[in-house]
Protein backbone atom coordinates (compact mmCIF):
# COMPACT_ATOMS: atom_id res chain seq x y z
CA MET A 1 -6.12 -4.46 13.81
CA ASP A 2 -5.10 -7.45 11.76
CA ILE A 3 -3.32 -6.30 8.58
CA SER A 4 -4.86 -9.11 6.51
CA ILE A 5 -8.35 -8.01 7.59
CA SER A 6 -7.55 -4.44 6.58
CA CYS A 7 -6.27 -5.48 3.17
CA ASP A 8 -9.27 -7.77 2.71
CA THR A 9 -11.53 -4.84 3.60
CA ILE A 10 -9.93 -2.71 0.90
CA LEU A 11 -10.16 -5.48 -1.65
CA SER A 12 -13.82 -6.21 -0.89
CA CYS A 13 -14.88 -2.58 -1.26
CA GLN A 14 -16.40 -1.36 -4.46
CA PHE A 15 -13.30 0.59 -5.32
CA THR A 16 -14.26 3.68 -7.30
CA GLY A 17 -10.82 5.23 -7.54
CA LYS A 18 -7.99 6.58 -5.50
CA ASP A 19 -10.22 9.32 -4.08
CA ASP A 20 -12.80 6.85 -2.73
CA VAL A 21 -13.62 7.81 0.88
CA GLU A 22 -13.71 4.24 2.26
CA PHE A 23 -10.46 3.39 0.50
CA LYS A 24 -8.72 6.43 1.98
CA LYS A 25 -10.18 5.79 5.44
CA THR A 26 -9.05 2.16 5.50
CA CYS A 27 -5.56 3.07 4.25
CA TYR A 28 -5.38 5.76 6.94
CA LEU A 29 -6.28 3.20 9.62
CA ILE A 30 -3.61 0.84 8.30
CA SER A 31 -1.04 3.65 8.42
CA GLN A 32 -2.02 4.43 12.02
CA ASP A 33 -1.47 0.79 12.96
CA VAL A 34 1.95 0.89 11.30
CA LYS A 35 2.76 4.11 13.13
CA ASP A 36 1.59 2.60 16.44
CA GLY A 37 3.86 -0.43 15.92
CA LYS A 38 1.07 -2.99 15.52
CA PHE A 39 2.82 -4.23 12.38
CA GLU A 40 5.54 -3.08 10.00
CA VAL A 41 5.54 -1.85 6.42
CA VAL A 42 7.15 -5.11 5.33
CA GLU A 43 4.09 -7.00 6.60
CA LEU A 44 1.86 -4.74 4.51
CA VAL A 45 3.97 -5.42 1.42
CA LYS A 46 3.72 -9.17 2.08
CA GLN A 47 -0.07 -8.89 2.31
CA LEU A 48 -0.13 -6.90 -0.93
CA GLN A 49 2.21 -9.27 -2.77
CA ASN A 50 -0.56 -10.92 -4.79
CA LEU A 51 -1.68 -7.52 -6.01
CA LEU A 52 1.77 -6.06 -6.58
CA VAL A 53 2.88 -8.91 -8.86
CA ASN A 54 -0.51 -9.72 -10.37
CA PRO A 55 -0.58 -10.19 -14.17
CA SER A 56 -3.47 -7.70 -14.36
CA PRO A 57 -2.34 -4.03 -14.54
CA THR A 58 -5.55 -3.04 -12.74
CA GLN A 59 -4.68 -5.27 -9.78
CA ARG A 60 -1.06 -4.05 -9.70
CA GLU A 61 -2.36 -0.49 -9.77
CA LEU A 62 -4.58 -1.20 -6.76
CA GLY A 63 -1.63 -2.68 -4.85
CA VAL A 64 0.54 0.35 -5.61
CA LEU A 65 -2.30 2.72 -4.66
CA ILE A 66 -2.79 0.99 -1.30
CA LEU A 67 0.93 1.05 -0.51
CA THR A 68 1.25 4.66 -1.64
CA GLU A 69 -1.74 5.83 0.37
CA VAL A 70 -0.48 4.11 3.53
CA LEU A 71 3.05 5.50 3.11
CA THR A 72 1.67 8.99 2.46
CA ASN A 73 -0.07 8.91 5.83
CA LEU A 74 3.10 8.05 7.77
CA PRO A 75 5.24 10.77 9.35
CA VAL A 76 8.05 11.93 7.04
CA ASP A 77 10.73 10.66 9.43
CA PHE A 78 9.06 7.32 10.19
CA LEU A 79 10.96 5.01 7.82
CA SER A 80 14.62 4.07 8.15
CA ASP A 81 17.16 4.88 5.44
CA GLN A 82 17.19 1.22 4.38
CA GLN A 83 13.39 1.11 4.14
CA LEU A 84 13.40 4.31 2.09
CA GLU A 85 16.03 2.91 -0.29
CA THR A 86 13.99 -0.27 -0.77
CA ILE A 87 10.78 1.69 -1.39
CA LEU A 88 12.59 4.03 -3.78
CA LEU A 89 13.88 1.03 -5.74
CA PHE A 90 10.37 -0.45 -5.84
CA TYR A 91 8.83 2.76 -7.22
CA THR A 92 11.71 3.22 -9.66
CA ASN A 93 11.08 -0.27 -11.02
CA LYS A 94 7.38 0.52 -11.32
CA LEU A 95 8.25 3.24 -13.84
CA SER A 96 8.89 0.50 -16.39
CA ASP A 97 5.56 -1.20 -15.62
CA HIS A 98 2.34 -0.82 -17.63
CA HIS A 99 1.26 2.83 -18.04
CA GLN A 100 -1.82 2.18 -15.88
CA VAL A 101 0.35 1.29 -12.88
């Protein structure tokens, strides 16, 4: 699975919220590809960059939701300590973002 196709699939869906079945299914498939070594979390973040730094809080929220959903589906011991520290810093910084994000 090509990560850019997966992200494009999520973005083209009529996103109805974080509990949307298609959204969750696609994020699950992305997480399985990460788990299977088809690509790394850093590649996902690069694909989500336009969302994660978008001026629109709604778009940033979508980027954070995608990343969060994918990470939630990974095994608890999957990420390295360095990856966890980086992700922790990212989420900590998001606390100062718009309340919607």
